[in-house]
Amino acid sequence: MTNSLGSYKKWFSVLTIMLLFSMLLNISLGSVSIPFTDTLKVLFGGTLKTTSWEYIILNYRIPKALTAILVGGGLAVSGLLMQTLFRNPLAGPFVLGISSGASLGAALLIMGASLLSGFATFQFLSDFSLAVAASIGSFLVLAVVMVVANRVRDTMALLIIGLMFGSITGAIVSVLAYFSPAEQLQRFIFWSYGSVGNLSWEQLIILAITVVVGLLLSLLSLKNLNALLLGENYAKSLGISVKKSKFLIILSTGLLAGSITAFAGPIAFVGLAVPHLTRQFFNTMEHRVLLPAVFLYGGILMLLCDCIAQLPYSVNVIPINAITSIIGGPVVIWILVKKRKLFF
């Protein structure tokens, strides 16, 4: 078995075609029935007589599909990074408490303002301000984790500390929820369900830039990831600075998971399940192969989950977190039962 990218060209070609097909399927489905030929016409730069259809495709469905790719791919990559760093098959993109930090930021904006009489009204509570608040929360937790990572040598201790951060922020969110009015509590719950359909083009561009930066940082860590998979002592024997490697990996994960959670809400199971699913088809530990593969798989899975969640031709939308959990949970269970020992 070889680990070169060239030996997996066929698989990457298949995944790329599947991604494009899933994206096209996602754009063609929705609560409003639009003929498939009209959808293709808009995608190739044409105009429609029915301007409302054209508006829906350009300003809602295309941004939603692109968001799904960024969210699914970004979470899958961050999950792969965490599983390699901690050498733990159950590690996901949110084990460092970054998702909980984003939830705390959103909770403080939605529910905290209502506890401060005369401080703020919800006329200023837009989706963009919600994303900003969640981003601030996630990056504050990330900053603390980075400081701790610089002082703690044991990787497992860092994992436990991350889980403790998650518990602390979760407790604060629970207190805010207990004292909040029903309207604000309901808004926070809806945010926690996760969604890829609420982003404007401006928000999508911000998310895309952040995800690309996170992906570039992960690419800089490719060689180090392969070495860390065999243990920190082995990495040190190759002359790799483990401390700097951890810093880059955690920063990359923080940018990916933090920005995605801020704009799309906490999406469950994608970051945990997709790396395992990818290894079933790409029988390699080479991260030059795994990293682009998990991004493609994550994008495809998220697009298909969104197709199911939006209940085509219905005005009802199922929370996408429910769909990803229903699909991701059995996948992880099946792999654990089948393989018994994954790769560590």
Protein backbone atom coordinates (compact mmCIF):
# COMPACT_ATOMS: atom_id res chain seq x y z
CA MET A 1 0.00 0.00 0.00
CA THR A 2 1.31 3.43 -0.89
CA ASN A 3 0.43 6.65 0.82
CA SER A 4 1.02 9.04 -2.06
CA LEU A 5 -1.69 11.33 -3.30
CA GLY A 6 -1.34 9.89 -6.80
CA SER A 7 -2.54 6.44 -5.72
CA TYR A 8 -5.83 7.97 -4.57
CA LYS A 9 -6.58 10.10 -7.64
CA LYS A 10 -9.61 8.01 -8.57
CA TRP A 11 -11.07 8.33 -5.08
CA PHE A 12 -10.54 12.08 -5.08
CA SER A 13 -12.17 12.34 -8.52
CA VAL A 14 -15.19 10.38 -7.26
CA LEU A 15 -15.45 12.54 -4.14
CA THR A 16 -15.24 15.76 -6.17
CA ILE A 17 -18.02 14.58 -8.48
CA MET A 18 -20.11 13.54 -5.47
CA LEU A 19 -19.55 16.96 -3.88
CA LEU A 20 -20.68 18.78 -7.03
CA PHE A 21 -23.71 16.49 -7.38
CA SER A 22 -24.64 16.96 -3.71
CA MET A 23 -24.31 20.72 -4.07
CA LEU A 24 -26.51 20.73 -7.16
CA LEU A 25 -29.08 18.54 -5.39
CA ASN A 26 -29.03 20.84 -2.36
CA ILE A 27 -29.58 23.96 -4.48
CA SER A 28 -32.42 22.38 -6.45
CA LEU A 29 -34.43 21.44 -3.33
CA GLY A 30 -36.35 23.72 -1.01
CA SER A 31 -39.76 24.84 0.20
CA VAL A 32 -40.37 26.55 -3.15
CA SER A 33 -40.56 24.20 -6.13
CA ILE A 34 -38.25 25.51 -8.87
CA PRO A 35 -37.78 23.55 -12.13
CA PHE A 36 -34.35 21.91 -12.34
CA THR A 37 -33.69 23.46 -15.74
CA ASP A 38 -34.27 26.93 -14.29
CA THR A 39 -31.88 26.18 -11.45
CA LEU A 40 -29.17 25.16 -13.94
CA LYS A 41 -29.86 28.27 -16.01
CA VAL A 42 -29.24 30.55 -13.03
CA LEU A 43 -26.10 28.62 -12.04
CA PHE A 44 -24.65 29.16 -15.51
CA GLY A 45 -25.33 32.90 -15.45
CA GLY A 46 -28.73 33.06 -17.09
CA THR A 47 -31.76 35.03 -15.97
CA LEU A 48 -35.28 33.85 -15.26
CA LYS A 49 -38.64 35.41 -16.03
CA THR A 50 -39.72 34.64 -12.49
CA THR A 51 -37.47 37.01 -10.56
CA SER A 52 -38.47 35.57 -7.18
CA TRP A 53 -37.03 32.17 -8.18
CA GLU A 54 -33.81 33.79 -9.27
CA TYR A 55 -33.57 35.69 -6.00
CA ILE A 56 -34.15 32.53 -3.95
CA ILE A 57 -31.43 30.63 -5.81
CA LEU A 58 -28.82 33.42 -5.76
CA ASN A 59 -29.40 34.82 -2.29
CA TYR A 60 -30.54 31.84 -0.29
CA ARG A 61 -29.85 28.42 -1.82
CA ILE A 62 -26.34 29.00 -3.21
CA PRO A 63 -25.04 30.65 0.01
CA LYS A 64 -26.66 27.82 2.00
CA ALA A 65 -24.94 25.14 -0.08
CA LEU A 66 -21.56 26.87 0.15
CA THR A 67 -22.02 27.28 3.90
CA ALA A 68 -22.76 23.56 4.22
CA ILE A 69 -19.51 22.71 2.42
CA LEU A 70 -17.46 25.05 4.62
CA VAL A 71 -19.16 23.84 7.81
CA GLY A 72 -18.93 20.13 7.01
CA GLY A 73 -15.41 20.29 5.62
CA GLY A 74 -14.07 22.56 8.35
CA LEU A 75 -15.51 20.48 11.20
CA ALA A 76 -14.23 17.26 9.62
CA VAL A 77 -10.70 18.65 9.32
CA SER A 78 -10.71 20.00 12.88
CA GLY A 79 -11.95 16.60 14.10
CA LEU A 80 -9.07 14.88 12.31
CA LEU A 81 -6.59 17.31 13.91
CA MET A 82 -7.91 16.65 17.40
CA GLN A 83 -7.98 12.87 16.98
CA THR A 84 -4.36 12.94 15.85
CA LEU A 85 -3.17 15.39 18.51
CA PHE A 86 -4.75 13.48 21.39
CA ARG A 87 -4.37 10.07 19.72
CA ASN A 88 -7.94 9.44 20.78
CA PRO A 89 -10.59 8.18 18.32
CA LEU A 90 -13.36 9.85 20.34
CA ALA A 91 -11.81 13.32 20.25
CA GLY A 92 -13.75 15.89 18.22
CA PRO A 93 -13.39 19.53 17.24
CA PHE A 94 -15.10 20.72 20.43
CA VAL A 95 -13.09 18.85 23.08
CA LEU A 96 -11.16 22.02 23.94
CA GLY A 97 -14.31 23.84 25.05
CA ILE A 98 -14.35 26.10 21.97
CA SER A 99 -17.95 25.28 21.10
CA SER A 100 -18.99 25.92 24.69
CA GLY A 101 -17.24 29.29 24.56
CA ALA A 102 -19.21 30.18 21.44
CA SER A 103 -22.42 29.08 23.16
CA LEU A 104 -21.56 31.25 26.15
CA GLY A 105 -21.00 34.28 23.91
CA ALA A 106 -24.33 33.72 22.19
CA ALA A 107 -26.08 33.13 25.51
CA LEU A 108 -24.69 36.33 27.02
CA LEU A 109 -25.96 38.33 24.05
CA ILE A 110 -29.38 36.68 23.83
CA MET A 111 -30.17 35.99 27.48
CA GLY A 112 -27.68 38.11 29.41
CA ALA A 113 -28.96 41.44 28.07
CA SER A 114 -32.46 40.68 29.33
CA LEU A 115 -31.10 40.37 32.87
CA LEU A 116 -29.63 43.88 32.75
CA SER A 117 -32.60 46.21 32.86
CA GLY A 118 -32.30 49.16 30.53
CA PHE A 119 -29.00 47.93 29.08
CA ALA A 120 -30.03 46.66 25.68
CA THR A 121 -33.02 45.88 23.60
CA PHE A 122 -33.29 43.13 21.08
CA GLN A 123 -33.77 45.57 18.23
CA PHE A 124 -29.99 45.35 17.88
CA LEU A 125 -29.88 41.58 18.11
CA SER A 126 -29.18 40.52 14.52
CA ASP A 127 -27.72 37.30 13.19
CA PHE A 128 -24.46 39.11 12.53
CA SER A 129 -24.16 40.44 16.10
CA LEU A 130 -24.95 36.94 17.34
CA ALA A 131 -22.10 35.55 15.24
CA VAL A 132 -19.75 38.23 16.59
CA ALA A 133 -20.68 37.45 20.19
CA ALA A 134 -20.22 33.70 19.63
CA SER A 135 -16.87 34.34 17.92
CA ILE A 136 -15.65 36.43 20.86
CA GLY A 137 -16.70 33.68 23.29
CA SER A 138 -14.97 30.92 21.33
CA PHE A 139 -11.74 32.85 20.86
CA LEU A 140 -11.57 33.87 24.52
CA VAL A 141 -11.73 30.20 25.46
CA LEU A 142 -9.21 29.43 22.71
CA ALA A 143 -6.82 32.07 24.09
CA VAL A 144 -7.01 30.54 27.56
CA VAL A 145 -6.46 27.05 26.13
CA MET A 146 -3.42 28.32 24.20
CA VAL A 147 -1.91 29.73 27.38
CA VAL A 148 -2.56 26.47 29.20
CA ALA A 149 -1.13 24.43 26.31
CA ASN A 150 2.05 26.46 26.56
CA ARG A 151 2.49 25.41 30.19
CA VAL A 152 1.08 21.89 30.23
CA ARG A 153 3.27 19.25 28.63
CA ASP A 154 0.88 16.33 28.98
CA THR A 155 -1.54 16.21 26.04
CA MET A 156 -4.14 14.25 28.01
CA ALA A 157 -4.08 16.88 30.75
CA LEU A 158 -4.84 19.48 28.08
CA LEU A 159 -7.80 17.37 26.95
CA ILE A 160 -9.17 17.21 30.49
CA ILE A 161 -8.69 20.95 30.96
CA GLY A 162 -10.60 21.57 27.71
CA LEU A 163 -13.46 19.42 28.95
CA MET A 164 -13.48 21.36 32.23
CA PHE A 165 -13.72 24.64 30.32
CA GLY A 166 -16.72 23.18 28.52
CA SER A 167 -18.35 22.23 31.82
CA ILE A 168 -17.77 25.68 33.34
CA THR A 169 -19.16 27.59 30.36
CA GLY A 170 -22.06 25.14 30.16
CA ALA A 171 -22.89 25.83 33.79
CA ILE A 172 -22.93 29.59 33.19
CA VAL A 173 -25.23 29.09 30.19
CA SER A 174 -27.56 27.00 32.37
CA VAL A 175 -27.77 29.77 34.97
CA LEU A 176 -28.56 32.35 32.27
CA ALA A 177 -31.20 30.05 30.80
CA TYR A 178 -32.83 29.54 34.21
CA PHE A 179 -33.37 33.28 34.75
CA SER A 180 -34.21 34.23 31.15
CA PRO A 181 -37.67 34.99 29.74
CA ALA A 182 -39.21 32.37 27.48
CA GLU A 183 -38.71 34.44 24.32
CA GLN A 184 -34.95 34.81 24.77
CA LEU A 185 -34.58 31.21 25.90
CA GLN A 186 -36.38 30.03 22.78
CA ARG A 187 -34.09 32.11 20.56
CA PHE A 188 -31.01 30.58 22.16
CA ILE A 189 -32.42 27.07 21.79
CA PHE A 190 -33.08 27.69 18.09
CA TRP A 191 -29.48 28.88 17.69
CA SER A 192 -28.20 25.76 19.44
CA TYR A 193 -30.05 23.56 16.93
CA GLY A 194 -27.60 24.69 14.24
CA SER A 195 -28.36 25.98 10.76
CA VAL A 196 -26.52 26.57 7.49
CA GLY A 197 -29.29 28.64 5.91
CA ASN A 198 -29.12 31.96 7.73
CA LEU A 199 -25.96 33.48 6.27
CA SER A 200 -25.86 36.43 3.89
CA TRP A 201 -23.15 36.71 1.27
CA GLU A 202 -21.23 39.12 3.53
CA GLN A 203 -21.30 36.68 6.45
CA LEU A 204 -20.39 33.80 4.14
CA ILE A 205 -17.29 35.65 2.94
CA ILE A 206 -16.15 36.23 6.54
CA LEU A 207 -16.71 32.55 7.36
CA ALA A 208 -14.90 31.46 4.19
CA ILE A 209 -11.85 33.61 4.97
CA THR A 210 -11.61 32.24 8.51
CA VAL A 211 -12.02 28.63 7.36
CA VAL A 212 -9.39 29.07 4.64
CA VAL A 213 -6.91 30.50 7.18
CA GLY A 214 -7.61 27.55 9.48
CA LEU A 215 -7.09 25.10 6.63
CA LEU A 216 -3.82 26.77 5.62
CA LEU A 217 -2.55 26.45 9.20
CA SER A 218 -3.49 22.77 9.19
CA LEU A 219 -1.57 22.27 5.93
CA LEU A 220 1.53 23.68 7.62
CA SER A 221 1.18 20.92 10.23
CA LEU A 222 0.92 17.95 7.84
CA LYS A 223 4.39 16.54 8.44
CA ASN A 224 4.11 17.08 12.18
CA LEU A 225 0.71 15.36 12.30
CA ASN A 226 2.16 12.19 10.80
CA ALA A 227 4.90 12.18 13.42
CA LEU A 228 2.57 12.96 16.34
CA LEU A 229 0.39 10.01 15.39
CA LEU A 230 3.31 7.79 16.49
CA GLY A 231 3.79 9.66 19.76
CA GLU A 232 5.45 12.81 21.03
CA ASN A 233 8.78 11.06 21.71
CA TYR A 234 8.96 9.89 18.12
CA ALA A 235 8.18 13.41 16.90
CA LYS A 236 10.95 14.82 19.09
CA SER A 237 13.40 12.27 17.69
CA LEU A 238 12.73 13.71 14.23
CA GLY A 239 13.62 17.18 15.47
CA ILE A 240 10.03 18.42 15.54
CA SER A 241 9.09 21.05 18.11
CA VAL A 242 6.09 19.45 19.80
CA LYS A 243 5.14 22.69 21.54
CA LYS A 244 5.01 24.66 18.27
CA SER A 245 3.13 21.82 16.59
CA LYS A 246 0.50 21.80 19.32
CA PHE A 247 0.18 25.56 19.05
CA LEU A 248 -0.49 25.43 15.28
CA ILE A 249 -2.90 22.50 15.56
CA ILE A 250 -4.90 24.07 18.39
CA LEU A 251 -4.97 27.46 16.64
CA SER A 252 -6.15 25.84 13.41
CA THR A 253 -8.86 23.88 15.23
CA GLY A 254 -9.92 27.00 17.12
CA LEU A 255 -10.30 29.04 13.94
CA LEU A 256 -12.25 26.29 12.18
CA ALA A 257 -14.51 25.12 15.01
CA GLY A 258 -14.91 28.58 16.57
CA SER A 259 -15.92 30.43 13.41
CA ILE A 260 -18.20 27.62 12.23
CA THR A 261 -19.97 27.44 15.59
CA ALA A 262 -20.33 31.21 15.64
CA PHE A 263 -22.02 31.40 12.24
CA ALA A 264 -23.83 28.04 12.03
CA GLY A 265 -24.30 27.02 15.66
CA PRO A 266 -22.89 23.91 17.36
CA ILE A 267 -23.10 21.13 14.76
CA ALA A 268 -22.77 17.69 16.36
CA PHE A 269 -21.03 14.49 15.23
CA VAL A 270 -19.65 15.69 11.86
CA GLY A 271 -16.16 16.32 13.21
CA LEU A 272 -16.20 13.04 15.12
CA ALA A 273 -17.69 10.69 12.53
CA VAL A 274 -16.27 11.89 9.20
CA PRO A 275 -12.57 11.14 9.91
CA HIS A 276 -13.49 7.56 10.82
CA LEU A 277 -15.73 7.21 7.80
CA THR A 278 -12.95 8.53 5.56
CA ARG A 279 -10.44 5.97 6.84
CA GLN A 280 -12.78 3.17 5.71
CA PHE A 281 -12.17 4.20 2.09
CA PHE A 282 -8.69 5.73 2.36
CA ASN A 283 -6.71 3.00 4.06
CA THR A 284 -3.83 5.24 5.10
CA MET A 285 -2.53 7.29 8.00
CA GLU A 286 -0.89 9.84 5.68
CA HIS A 287 -2.38 13.23 6.48
CA ARG A 288 -1.55 14.59 3.02
CA VAL A 289 -4.26 12.19 1.84
CA LEU A 290 -6.59 12.25 4.83
CA LEU A 291 -6.90 16.02 5.23
CA PRO A 292 -8.31 16.84 1.75
CA ALA A 293 -10.35 13.63 1.84
CA VAL A 294 -12.08 14.44 5.14
CA PHE A 295 -12.83 17.96 3.87
CA LEU A 296 -14.59 16.54 0.80
CA TYR A 297 -16.42 13.89 2.83
CA GLY A 298 -17.50 16.48 5.39
CA GLY A 299 -18.86 18.78 2.71
CA ILE A 300 -20.79 15.96 1.05
CA LEU A 301 -22.26 14.74 4.34
CA MET A 302 -23.33 18.22 5.40
CA LEU A 303 -25.00 18.92 2.04
CA LEU A 304 -26.94 15.66 2.19
CA CYS A 305 -27.91 16.24 5.83
CA ASP A 306 -29.22 19.68 4.88
CA CYS A 307 -31.22 18.15 2.01
CA ILE A 308 -32.92 15.87 4.54
CA ALA A 309 -33.34 18.57 7.20
CA GLN A 310 -35.07 21.09 4.96
CA LEU A 311 -37.85 18.59 4.03
CA PRO A 312 -38.00 19.31 0.27
CA TYR A 313 -41.12 21.18 -0.88
CA SER A 314 -42.22 21.71 2.72
CA VAL A 315 -42.08 24.89 4.80
CA ASN A 316 -40.97 22.85 7.82
CA VAL A 317 -37.24 22.45 8.61
CA ILE A 318 -35.83 19.81 10.95
CA PRO A 319 -32.92 20.98 13.15
CA ILE A 320 -29.78 19.95 11.29
CA ASN A 321 -28.18 18.84 14.57
CA ALA A 322 -30.81 16.13 14.80
CA ILE A 323 -29.96 14.83 11.32
CA THR A 324 -26.18 14.84 11.85
CA SER A 325 -26.61 13.02 15.17
CA ILE A 326 -28.96 10.41 13.69
CA ILE A 327 -26.45 9.73 10.90
CA GLY A 328 -23.18 10.27 12.78
CA GLY A 329 -24.02 8.30 15.92
CA PRO A 330 -24.69 4.94 14.22
CA VAL A 331 -21.63 5.45 11.99
CA VAL A 332 -19.32 5.75 15.00
CA ILE A 333 -21.00 2.80 16.77
CA TRP A 334 -20.74 0.65 13.63
CA ILE A 335 -17.06 1.44 13.16
CA LEU A 336 -16.27 0.75 16.82
CA VAL A 337 -18.09 -2.61 16.68
CA LYS A 338 -16.56 -3.56 13.33
CA LYS A 339 -12.97 -2.52 13.95
CA ARG A 340 -12.85 -2.80 17.76
CA LYS A 341 -9.51 -1.06 17.65
CA LEU A 342 -9.47 1.95 15.34
CA PHE A 343 -5.91 3.11 14.75
CA PHE A 344 -4.29 4.06 18.03
